[in-house]
C-alpha atoms as a PDB file:
ATOM      1  CA  MET A   1       0.000   0.000   0.000  1.00  0.00           C
ATOM      2  CA  ASP A   2       1.515   3.299  -1.074  1.00  0.00           C
ATOM      3  CA  ARG A   3       1.731   6.406   1.056  1.00  0.00           C
ATOM      4  CA  THR A   4      -1.308   8.100  -0.545  1.00  0.00           C
ATOM      5  CA  ALA A   5      -3.524   5.079   0.065  1.00  0.00           C
ATOM      6  CA  ARG A   6      -2.377   4.833   3.694  1.00  0.00           C
ATOM      7  CA  ARG A   7      -3.117   8.534   4.205  1.00  0.00           C
ATOM      8  CA  THR A   8      -6.597   8.110   2.700  1.00  0.00           C
ATOM      9  CA  THR A   9      -7.301   5.110   4.928  1.00  0.00           C
ATOM     10  CA  ALA A  10      -6.159   7.010   8.000  1.00  0.00           C
ATOM     11  CA  GLU A  11      -8.345   9.990   7.107  1.00  0.00           C
ATOM     12  CA  HIS A  12     -11.361   7.710   6.630  1.00  0.00           C
ATOM     13  CA  ARG A  13     -10.663   6.066   9.972  1.00  0.00           C
ATOM     14  CA  GLN A  14     -10.404   9.448  11.703  1.00  0.00           C
ATOM     15  CA  ALA A  15     -13.652  10.584  10.079  1.00  0.00           C
ATOM     16  CA  ALA A  16     -15.395   7.396  11.208  1.00  0.00           C
ATOM     17  CA  VAL A  17     -14.170   7.908  14.786  1.00  0.00           C
ATOM     18  CA  GLY A  18     -15.339  11.540  14.680  1.00  0.00           C
ATOM     19  CA  TYR A  19     -18.817  10.603  13.477  1.00  0.00           C
ATOM     20  CA  ALA A  20     -18.993   7.856  16.100  1.00  0.00           C
ATOM     21  CA  LEU A  21     -18.204  10.389  18.825  1.00  0.00           C
ATOM     22  CA  LEU A  22     -20.833  12.770  17.410  1.00  0.00           C
ATOM     23  CA  LEU A  23     -23.488  10.065  17.158  1.00  0.00           C
ATOM     24  CA  PRO A  24     -24.916  10.444  20.711  1.00  0.00           C
ATOM     25  CA  SER A  25     -25.297  14.208  20.206  1.00  0.00           C
ATOM     26  CA  LEU A  26     -26.813  13.717  16.752  1.00  0.00           C
ATOM     27  CA  ILE A  27     -29.325  11.250  18.192  1.00  0.00           C
ATOM     28  CA  GLY A  28     -30.227  13.763  20.899  1.00  0.00           C
ATOM     29  CA  VAL A  29     -30.676  16.578  18.384  1.00  0.00           C
ATOM     30  CA  GLY A  30     -32.792  14.343  16.162  1.00  0.00           C
ATOM     31  CA  CYS A  31     -35.012  12.991  18.945  1.00  0.00           C
ATOM     32  CA  PHE A  32     -35.437  16.117  21.045  1.00  0.00           C
ATOM     33  CA  LEU A  33     -35.227  18.922  18.452  1.00  0.00           C
ATOM     34  CA  LEU A  34     -35.863  17.873  14.867  1.00  0.00           C
ATOM     35  CA  LEU A  35     -38.500  15.214  15.600  1.00  0.00           C
ATOM     36  CA  PRO A  36     -40.647  17.512  17.829  1.00  0.00           C
ATOM     37  CA  ILE A  37     -40.496  20.232  15.142  1.00  0.00           C
ATOM     38  CA  ALA A  38     -41.662  17.732  12.520  1.00  0.00           C
ATOM     39  CA  VAL A  39     -44.475  16.528  14.806  1.00  0.00           C
ATOM     40  CA  VAL A  40     -45.650  20.112  15.437  1.00  0.00           C
ATOM     41  CA  LEU A  41     -45.689  20.884  11.699  1.00  0.00           C
ATOM     42  CA  TRP A  42     -47.566  17.647  11.007  1.00  0.00           C
ATOM     43  CA  LEU A  43     -50.042  18.267  13.830  1.00  0.00           C
ATOM     44  CA  SER A  44     -50.748  21.789  12.560  1.00  0.00           C
ATOM     45  CA  LEU A  45     -52.367  20.216   9.475  1.00  0.00           C
ATOM     46  CA  HIS A  46     -54.600  17.853  11.449  1.00  0.00           C
ATOM     47  CA  SER A  47     -57.561  18.013  13.815  1.00  0.00           C
ATOM     48  CA  TRP A  48     -57.564  15.982  17.032  1.00  0.00           C
ATOM     49  CA  ASN A  49     -59.469  16.245  20.299  1.00  0.00           C
ATOM     50  CA  LEU A  50     -56.887  14.203  22.269  1.00  0.00           C
ATOM     51  CA  LEU A  51     -59.255  11.203  22.409  1.00  0.00           C
ATOM     52  CA  GLY A  52     -60.758  10.493  18.995  1.00  0.00           C
ATOM     53  CA  PRO A  53     -59.110   9.773  15.654  1.00  0.00           C
ATOM     54  CA  ILE A  54     -56.808  12.282  13.986  1.00  0.00           C
ATOM     55  CA  ARG A  55     -58.214  13.882  10.825  1.00  0.00           C
ATOM     56  CA  PHE A  56     -56.290  15.712   8.114  1.00  0.00           C
ATOM     57  CA  THR A  57     -57.715  19.225   7.707  1.00  0.00           C
ATOM     58  CA  GLY A  58     -55.099  20.903   5.544  1.00  0.00           C
ATOM     59  CA  TRP A  59     -54.778  24.636   6.144  1.00  0.00           C
ATOM     60  CA  ASP A  60     -57.981  25.001   8.206  1.00  0.00           C
ATOM     61  CA  ASN A  61     -56.073  25.338  11.486  1.00  0.00           C
ATOM     62  CA  TRP A  62     -53.813  27.972   9.961  1.00  0.00           C
ATOM     63  CA  ARG A  63     -56.717  30.036   8.649  1.00  0.00           C
ATOM     64  CA  SER A  64     -58.561  29.891  11.981  1.00  0.00           C
ATOM     65  CA  VAL A  65     -55.482  30.850  14.028  1.00  0.00           C
ATOM     66  CA  LEU A  66     -54.283  33.641  11.745  1.00  0.00           C
ATOM     67  CA  THR A  67     -57.737  35.241  11.896  1.00  0.00           C
ATOM     68  CA  ASP A  68     -58.175  34.677  15.653  1.00  0.00           C
ATOM     69  CA  ARG A  69     -58.240  38.046  17.424  1.00  0.00           C
ATOM     70  CA  GLN A  70     -57.629  36.406  20.790  1.00  0.00           C
ATOM     71  CA  PHE A  71     -54.358  34.925  19.568  1.00  0.00           C
ATOM     72  CA  GLY A  72     -53.354  38.311  18.147  1.00  0.00           C
ATOM     73  CA  HIS A  73     -54.149  39.830  21.533  1.00  0.00           C
ATOM     74  CA  SER A  74     -51.905  37.233  23.216  1.00  0.00           C
ATOM     75  CA  ILE A  75     -49.004  38.189  20.953  1.00  0.00           C
ATOM     76  CA  LEU A  76     -49.506  41.861  21.831  1.00  0.00           C
ATOM     77  CA  VAL A  77     -49.624  41.002  25.543  1.00  0.00           C
ATOM     78  CA  THR A  78     -46.391  39.024  25.190  1.00  0.00           C
ATOM     79  CA  LEU A  79     -44.712  41.900  23.346  1.00  0.00           C
ATOM     80  CA  ALA A  80     -45.851  44.282  26.093  1.00  0.00           C
ATOM     81  CA  LEU A  81     -44.483  41.920  28.745  1.00  0.00           C
ATOM     82  CA  THR A  82     -41.199  41.737  26.820  1.00  0.00           C
ATOM     83  CA  ALA A  83     -41.006  45.538  26.717  1.00  0.00           C
ATOM     84  CA  LEU A  84     -41.489  45.638  30.491  1.00  0.00           C
ATOM     85  CA  VAL A  85     -39.190  42.778  31.461  1.00  0.00           C
ATOM     86  CA  VAL A  86     -36.152  42.806  29.163  1.00  0.00           C
ATOM     87  CA  PRO A  87     -35.009  46.450  29.620  1.00  0.00           C
ATOM     88  CA  ALA A  88     -35.631  46.322  33.372  1.00  0.00           C
ATOM     89  CA  GLN A  89     -33.825  43.039  34.027  1.00  0.00           C
ATOM     90  CA  THR A  90     -30.944  44.061  31.757  1.00  0.00           C
ATOM     91  CA  ALA A  91     -30.423  47.429  33.474  1.00  0.00           C
ATOM     92  CA  LEU A  92     -30.805  46.025  36.987  1.00  0.00           C
ATOM     93  CA  GLY A  93     -28.596  43.049  36.104  1.00  0.00           C
ATOM     94  CA  PHE A  94     -25.854  45.394  34.948  1.00  0.00           C
ATOM     95  CA  VAL A  95     -26.081  47.489  38.140  1.00  0.00           C
ATOM     96  CA  VAL A  96     -25.917  44.359  40.296  1.00  0.00           C
ATOM     97  CA  ALA A  97     -23.005  43.043  38.213  1.00  0.00           C
ATOM     98  CA  ALA A  98     -21.091  46.288  38.637  1.00  0.00           C
ATOM     99  CA  LEU A  99     -21.376  45.844  42.400  1.00  0.00           C
ATOM    100  CA  LEU A 100     -20.582  42.113  42.368  1.00  0.00           C
ATOM    101  CA  ALA A 101     -17.594  42.546  40.027  1.00  0.00           C
ATOM    102  CA  ARG A 102     -15.686  44.320  42.750  1.00  0.00           C
ATOM    103  CA  ARG A 103     -13.320  41.806  44.234  1.00  0.00           C
ATOM    104  CA  GLY A 104     -14.270  41.773  47.848  1.00  0.00           C
ATOM    105  CA  HIS A 105     -15.174  39.474  50.696  1.00  0.00           C
ATOM    106  CA  GLY A 106     -18.465  37.660  50.212  1.00  0.00           C
ATOM    107  CA  GLY A 107     -18.667  38.175  46.444  1.00  0.00           C
ATOM    108  CA  THR A 108     -19.254  34.489  45.711  1.00  0.00           C
ATOM    109  CA  ALA A 109     -21.926  34.200  48.394  1.00  0.00           C
ATOM    110  CA  LEU A 110     -23.726  37.255  47.042  1.00  0.00           C
ATOM    111  CA  ARG A 111     -23.693  35.840  43.506  1.00  0.00           C
ATOM    112  CA  VAL A 112     -25.314  32.656  44.814  1.00  0.00           C
ATOM    113  CA  VAL A 113     -27.966  34.669  46.681  1.00  0.00           C
ATOM    114  CA  TYR A 114     -28.815  36.731  43.600  1.00  0.00           C
ATOM    115  CA  ALA A 115     -29.064  33.608  41.426  1.00  0.00           C
ATOM    116  CA  LEU A 116     -31.326  31.708  43.840  1.00  0.00           C
ATOM    117  CA  PRO A 117     -34.636  33.150  42.525  1.00  0.00           C
ATOM    118  CA  TRP A 118     -33.730  32.023  38.997  1.00  0.00           C
ATOM    119  CA  MET A 119     -32.921  28.513  40.238  1.00  0.00           C
ATOM    120  CA  CYS A 120     -36.194  28.157  42.162  1.00  0.00           C
ATOM    121  CA  ALA A 121     -39.239  26.508  40.573  1.00  0.00           C
ATOM    122  CA  PRO A 122     -41.383  29.224  38.913  1.00  0.00           C
ATOM    123  CA  VAL A 123     -44.602  27.716  40.273  1.00  0.00           C
ATOM    124  CA  ALA A 124     -43.255  27.843  43.838  1.00  0.00           C
ATOM    125  CA  VAL A 125     -42.103  31.435  43.274  1.00  0.00           C
ATOM    126  CA  GLY A 126     -45.569  32.262  41.910  1.00  0.00           C
ATOM    127  CA  VAL A 127     -47.253  30.895  45.029  1.00  0.00           C
ATOM    128  CA  VAL A 128     -45.018  33.021  47.263  1.00  0.00           C
ATOM    129  CA  TRP A 129     -45.705  36.153  45.222  1.00  0.00           C
ATOM    130  CA  GLN A 130     -49.432  35.412  45.264  1.00  0.00           C
ATOM    131  CA  TRP A 131     -49.260  35.807  49.022  1.00  0.00           C
ATOM    132  CA  ILE A 132     -47.171  38.984  48.696  1.00  0.00           C
ATOM    133  CA  PHE A 133     -49.683  40.486  46.229  1.00  0.00           C
ATOM    134  CA  ALA A 134     -52.778  39.254  48.089  1.00  0.00           C
ATOM    135  CA  PRO A 135     -55.280  42.130  48.525  1.00  0.00           C
ATOM    136  CA  THR A 136     -56.152  40.989  52.057  1.00  0.00           C
ATOM    137  CA  GLY A 137     -53.295  40.026  54.340  1.00  0.00           C
ATOM    138  CA  GLY A 138     -50.686  40.422  51.605  1.00  0.00           C
ATOM    139  CA  ALA A 139     -47.218  41.572  52.606  1.00  0.00           C
ATOM    140  CA  LEU A 140     -47.026  44.351  50.017  1.00  0.00           C
ATOM    141  CA  ASN A 141     -50.372  45.891  50.954  1.00  0.00           C
ATOM    142  CA  ALA A 142     -49.422  45.619  54.625  1.00  0.00           C
ATOM    143  CA  VAL A 143     -46.298  47.678  53.926  1.00  0.00           C
ATOM    144  CA  LEU A 144     -48.240  50.230  51.852  1.00  0.00           C
ATOM    145  CA  GLY A 145     -51.048  50.428  54.380  1.00  0.00           C
ATOM    146  CA  ARG A 146     -53.764  50.296  51.716  1.00  0.00           C
ATOM    147  CA  ARG A 147     -55.655  47.705  49.699  1.00  0.00           C
ATOM    148  CA  VAL A 148     -54.482  47.317  46.100  1.00  0.00           C
ATOM    149  CA  GLU A 149     -55.778  44.621  43.746  1.00  0.00           C
ATOM    150  CA  TRP A 150     -52.418  43.803  42.221  1.00  0.00           C
ATOM    151  CA  LEU A 151     -53.427  40.614  40.399  1.00  0.00           C
ATOM    152  CA  SER A 152     -57.152  41.341  39.981  1.00  0.00           C
ATOM    153  CA  SER A 153     -56.829  44.678  38.195  1.00  0.00           C
ATOM    154  CA  PRO A 154     -56.371  44.518  34.387  1.00  0.00           C
ATOM    155  CA  ALA A 155     -54.154  47.609  34.591  1.00  0.00           C
ATOM    156  CA  LEU A 156     -51.854  46.242  37.325  1.00  0.00           C
ATOM    157  CA  ALA A 157     -51.747  42.494  36.662  1.00  0.00           C
ATOM    158  CA  LEU A 158     -49.263  42.589  33.758  1.00  0.00           C
ATOM    159  CA  PRO A 159     -46.818  44.980  35.513  1.00  0.00           C
ATOM    160  CA  ALA A 160     -47.050  42.794  38.629  1.00  0.00           C
ATOM    161  CA  VAL A 161     -46.224  39.657  36.629  1.00  0.00           C
ATOM    162  CA  ALA A 162     -43.387  41.541  34.914  1.00  0.00           C
ATOM    163  CA  ALA A 163     -41.976  42.572  38.308  1.00  0.00           C
ATOM    164  CA  VAL A 164     -41.915  38.945  39.461  1.00  0.00           C
ATOM    165  CA  ILE A 165     -40.168  37.794  36.272  1.00  0.00           C
ATOM    166  CA  VAL A 166     -37.597  40.579  36.584  1.00  0.00           C
ATOM    167  CA  TRP A 167     -36.981  39.645  40.227  1.00  0.00           C
ATOM    168  CA  MET A 168     -36.415  36.030  39.162  1.00  0.00           C
ATOM    169  CA  ASN A 169     -34.030  36.826  36.291  1.00  0.00           C
ATOM    170  CA  VAL A 170     -31.900  39.720  37.587  1.00  0.00           C
ATOM    171  CA  GLY A 171     -29.369  37.426  39.267  1.00  0.00           C
ATOM    172  CA  TYR A 172     -29.064  35.254  36.154  1.00  0.00           C
ATOM    173  CA  VAL A 173     -28.434  38.298  33.958  1.00  0.00           C
ATOM    174  CA  ALA A 174     -25.986  39.764  36.488  1.00  0.00           C
ATOM    175  CA  LEU A 175     -23.809  36.646  36.398  1.00  0.00           C
ATOM    176  CA  PHE A 176     -23.180  37.090  32.670  1.00  0.00           C
ATOM    177  CA  PHE A 177     -22.381  40.753  33.109  1.00  0.00           C
ATOM    178  CA  VAL A 178     -19.986  39.934  35.964  1.00  0.00           C
ATOM    179  CA  ALA A 179     -18.158  37.490  33.714  1.00  0.00           C
ATOM    180  CA  GLY A 180     -18.031  40.081  30.930  1.00  0.00           C
ATOM    181  CA  ILE A 181     -16.763  42.869  33.188  1.00  0.00           C
ATOM    182  CA  ARG A 182     -14.054  40.704  34.706  1.00  0.00           C
ATOM    183  CA  ALA A 183     -12.924  39.628  31.226  1.00  0.00           C
ATOM    184  CA  ILE A 184     -12.098  43.240  30.284  1.00  0.00           C
ATOM    185  CA  PRO A 185      -8.291  43.643  30.502  1.00  0.00           C
ATOM    186  CA  ALA A 186      -7.176  45.911  33.324  1.00  0.00           C
ATOM    187  CA  GLU A 187      -4.778  47.646  30.922  1.00  0.00           C
ATOM    188  CA  ILE A 188      -7.696  49.056  28.923  1.00  0.00           C
ATOM    189  CA  LEU A 189      -9.410  50.383  32.038  1.00  0.00           C
ATOM    190  CA  ASP A 190      -6.147  51.871  33.359  1.00  0.00           C
ATOM    191  CA  ALA A 191      -5.455  53.571  30.033  1.00  0.00           C
ATOM    192  CA  GLY A 192      -8.970  54.962  30.027  1.00  0.00           C
ATOM    193  CA  ALA A 193      -8.506  56.292  33.555  1.00  0.00           C
ATOM    194  CA  LEU A 194      -5.400  58.153  32.429  1.00  0.00           C
ATOM    195  CA  ASP A 195      -7.478  59.774  29.691  1.00  0.00           C
ATOM    196  CA  GLY A 196     -10.140  60.870  32.178  1.00  0.00           C
ATOM    197  CA  ALA A 197     -12.575  57.966  31.756  1.00  0.00           C
ATOM    198  CA  VAL A 198     -13.725  57.652  35.364  1.00  0.00           C
ATOM    199  CA  GLY A 199     -17.107  57.171  36.958  1.00  0.00           C
ATOM    200  CA  TRP A 200     -19.979  57.321  34.483  1.00  0.00           C
ATOM    201  CA  ARG A 201     -17.591  58.113  31.617  1.00  0.00           C
ATOM    202  CA  ARG A 202     -15.784  54.865  32.282  1.00  0.00           C
ATOM    203  CA  VAL A 203     -19.057  52.960  32.107  1.00  0.00           C
ATOM    204  CA  ARG A 204     -20.356  54.832  29.055  1.00  0.00           C
ATOM    205  CA  TRP A 205     -17.228  54.850  26.887  1.00  0.00           C
ATOM    206  CA  LEU A 206     -15.330  51.737  28.015  1.00  0.00           C
ATOM    207  CA  ILE A 207     -17.343  49.097  29.839  1.00  0.00           C
ATOM    208  CA  LEU A 208     -20.612  49.194  27.897  1.00  0.00           C
ATOM    209  CA  PRO A 209     -18.992  49.090  24.413  1.00  0.00           C
ATOM    210  CA  LEU A 210     -16.785  46.188  25.478  1.00  0.00           C
ATOM    211  CA  LEU A 211     -19.797  44.363  26.917  1.00  0.00           C
ATOM    212  CA  ARG A 212     -21.725  44.349  23.628  1.00  0.00           C
ATOM    213  CA  PRO A 213     -21.223  40.591  23.036  1.00  0.00           C
ATOM    214  CA  THR A 214     -22.602  39.931  26.513  1.00  0.00           C
ATOM    215  CA  MET A 215     -25.372  42.483  25.956  1.00  0.00           C
ATOM    216  CA  PHE A 216     -26.367  40.756  22.719  1.00  0.00           C
ATOM    217  CA  PHE A 217     -26.566  37.376  24.454  1.00  0.00           C
ATOM    218  CA  VAL A 218     -28.526  38.750  27.407  1.00  0.00           C
ATOM    219  CA  LEU A 219     -31.047  40.569  25.211  1.00  0.00           C
ATOM    220  CA  VAL A 220     -31.618  37.630  22.851  1.00  0.00           C
ATOM    221  CA  THR A 221     -32.037  35.083  25.637  1.00  0.00           C
ATOM    222  CA  GLY A 222     -34.193  37.554  27.578  1.00  0.00           C
ATOM    223  CA  VAL A 223     -36.635  37.981  24.703  1.00  0.00           C
ATOM    224  CA  LEU A 224     -36.779  34.240  24.055  1.00  0.00           C
ATOM    225  CA  SER A 225     -37.334  33.585  27.757  1.00  0.00           C
ATOM    226  CA  VAL A 226     -40.271  36.007  27.973  1.00  0.00           C
ATOM    227  CA  PHE A 227     -41.926  34.480  24.917  1.00  0.00           C
ATOM    228  CA  GLN A 228     -41.710  31.088  26.648  1.00  0.00           C
ATOM    229  CA  THR A 229     -43.005  32.342  30.001  1.00  0.00           C
ATOM    230  CA  PHE A 230     -45.763  30.090  31.284  1.00  0.00           C
ATOM    231  CA  ASP A 231     -45.198  28.836  34.839  1.00  0.00           C
ATOM    232  CA  ALA A 232     -45.109  32.220  36.542  1.00  0.00           C
ATOM    233  CA  VAL A 233     -48.184  33.480  34.671  1.00  0.00           C
ATOM    234  CA  TYR A 234     -50.081  30.263  35.363  1.00  0.00           C
ATOM    235  CA  ALA A 235     -49.275  30.401  39.079  1.00  0.00           C
ATOM    236  CA  LEU A 236     -50.065  34.111  39.461  1.00  0.00           C
ATOM    237  CA  THR A 237     -53.010  34.927  37.188  1.00  0.00           C
ATOM    238  CA  LYS A 238     -53.766  32.000  34.840  1.00  0.00           C
ATOM    239  CA  GLY A 239     -53.982  34.560  32.058  1.00  0.00           C
ATOM    240  CA  GLY A 240     -56.484  36.859  33.746  1.00  0.00           C
ATOM    241  CA  PRO A 241     -58.042  39.134  34.652  1.00  0.00           C
ATOM    242  CA  GLY A 242     -59.874  39.701  31.391  1.00  0.00           C
ATOM    243  CA  HIS A 243     -57.027  38.120  29.366  1.00  0.00           C
ATOM    244  CA  SER A 244     -54.731  40.993  30.426  1.00  0.00           C
ATOM    245  CA  THR A 245     -51.891  38.515  31.113  1.00  0.00           C
ATOM    246  CA  ASP A 246     -52.841  35.958  28.470  1.00  0.00           C
ATOM    247  CA  VAL A 247     -49.360  35.456  27.007  1.00  0.00           C
ATOM    248  CA  VAL A 248     -48.826  33.199  23.991  1.00  0.00           C
ATOM    249  CA  ALA A 249     -47.556  30.251  26.043  1.00  0.00           C
ATOM    250  CA  MET A 250     -50.706  30.445  28.164  1.00  0.00           C
ATOM    251  CA  ARG A 251     -52.857  30.690  25.027  1.00  0.00           C
ATOM    252  CA  MET A 252     -51.180  27.608  23.519  1.00  0.00           C
ATOM    253  CA  TYR A 253     -51.732  25.662  26.746  1.00  0.00           C
ATOM    254  CA  SER A 254     -55.407  26.647  26.828  1.00  0.00           C
ATOM    255  CA  GLU A 255     -55.905  25.680  23.178  1.00  0.00           C
ATOM    256  CA  ALA A 256     -54.144  22.350  23.503  1.00  0.00           C
ATOM    257  CA  PHE A 257     -55.582  21.106  26.796  1.00  0.00           C
ATOM    258  CA  ASP A 258     -58.553  23.224  27.890  1.00  0.00           C
ATOM    259  CA  ALA A 259     -60.134  23.495  24.430  1.00  0.00           C
ATOM    260  CA  ALA A 260     -58.620  20.167  23.210  1.00  0.00           C
ATOM    261  CA  HIS A 261     -57.371  21.671  19.934  1.00  0.00           C
ATOM    262  CA  PRO A 262     -53.700  20.642  19.754  1.00  0.00           C
ATOM    263  CA  GLY A 263     -53.700  21.332  16.005  1.00  0.00           C
ATOM    264  CA  ARG A 264     -54.453  25.013  16.579  1.00  0.00           C
ATOM    265  CA  ALA A 265     -51.893  25.095  19.394  1.00  0.00           C
ATOM    266  CA  ALA A 266     -49.294  23.673  16.992  1.00  0.00           C
ATOM    267  CA  VAL A 267     -50.012  26.484  14.525  1.00  0.00           C
ATOM    268  CA  MET A 268     -49.586  29.023  17.324  1.00  0.00           C
ATOM    269  CA  ALA A 269     -46.241  27.456  18.240  1.00  0.00           C
ATOM    270  CA  VAL A 270     -45.024  27.797  14.641  1.00  0.00           C
ATOM    271  CA  VAL A 271     -46.179  31.432  14.476  1.00  0.00           C
ATOM    272  CA  VAL A 272     -44.470  32.250  17.780  1.00  0.00           C
ATOM    273  CA  PHE A 273     -41.283  30.612  16.521  1.00  0.00           C
ATOM    274  CA  ALA A 274     -41.424  32.802  13.410  1.00  0.00           C
ATOM    275  CA  VAL A 275     -41.906  35.941  15.531  1.00  0.00           C
ATOM    276  CA  MET A 276     -38.986  35.030  17.804  1.00  0.00           C
ATOM    277  CA  PHE A 277     -36.822  34.271  14.762  1.00  0.00           C
ATOM    278  CA  VAL A 278     -37.546  37.683  13.247  1.00  0.00           C
ATOM    279  CA  ILE A 279     -36.789  39.466  16.535  1.00  0.00           C
ATOM    280  CA  THR A 280     -33.544  37.523  16.976  1.00  0.00           C
ATOM    281  CA  VAL A 281     -32.405  38.294  13.424  1.00  0.00           C
ATOM    282  CA  ALA A 282     -33.193  41.989  13.953  1.00  0.00           C
ATOM    283  CA  GLN A 283     -31.137  42.005  17.159  1.00  0.00           C
ATOM    284  CA  HIS A 284     -28.278  40.222  15.422  1.00  0.00           C
ATOM    285  CA  ARG A 285     -28.218  42.751  12.583  1.00  0.00           C
ATOM    286  CA  TYR A 286     -28.254  45.630  15.040  1.00  0.00           C
ATOM    287  CA  PHE A 287     -25.295  44.297  17.031  1.00  0.00           C
ATOM    288  CA  ARG A 288     -23.362  42.790  14.113  1.00  0.00           C
ATOM    289  CA  ASN A 289     -21.510  45.961  13.131  1.00  0.00           C
ATOM    290  CA  ARG A 290     -21.378  47.337  16.668  1.00  0.00           C
ATOM    291  CA  THR A 291     -19.734  44.390  18.395  1.00  0.00           C
ATOM    292  CA  SER A 292     -16.086  43.447  18.742  1.00  0.00           C
ATOM    293  CA  TYR A 293     -15.153  40.083  20.198  1.00  0.00           C
ATOM    294  CA  GLU A 294     -11.525  41.012  20.718  1.00  0.00           C
ATOM    295  CA  TYR A 295      -9.991  43.323  23.321  1.00  0.00           C
END
């Protein structure tokens, strides 16, 4: 066997070993990502009440969902919740990170404390906040000294849910900002200090521009997280009052299990995926020419 043939055999053997090592991950991607997507697309073209036979209905589910005002309202509610949650948790996460990034005693313990709400079960967190927001005997109203219907008022329910979600996610967001701040070389910050970049100027002209990769990640994952919010809303308001907190995840759950129309719920899932894809692409294009991954 000549040298070229031996090299080809060795390359084929290396490729076979590589594919063998990738096989478990490929099986996981196929079973838990690609297969569910295919099932959702297939189910969106069928009618099923969870008990009887499955019937092919073509585009009927799509027409009914795309002309459903209640589903359109759920998308608007989700967008409003996103507008409340993402800027607030990003700003608060950055402030917390700026404090935690200081190398001092107890920094690790504080990071754990801030991350605890994110690690807790959303349903359990929702039950606790139901007691805090309770109009009678609630901790918040006891502090304010007046009765406020936090979760029963259509005007206050969505901001109250947003506040709970922000409280849960601030520690998670702060951890990424802490990692980003500590990754900035000290030489850059020292050089900026010599040029007068101190205090707010240091944050505005040095830290924030260098944190754009982290900012991009935090904003994208924040938007995706809000669009998938279900547990906290279910525990706090179940979509009420008057559908004021009826986010898309709650609407899909109601369609699939309460109304027994999983085909319509599958269409909603595809539409929500398309909306999230468009938002993510828009964010990527905004940050693409404004982000440097090298210091």
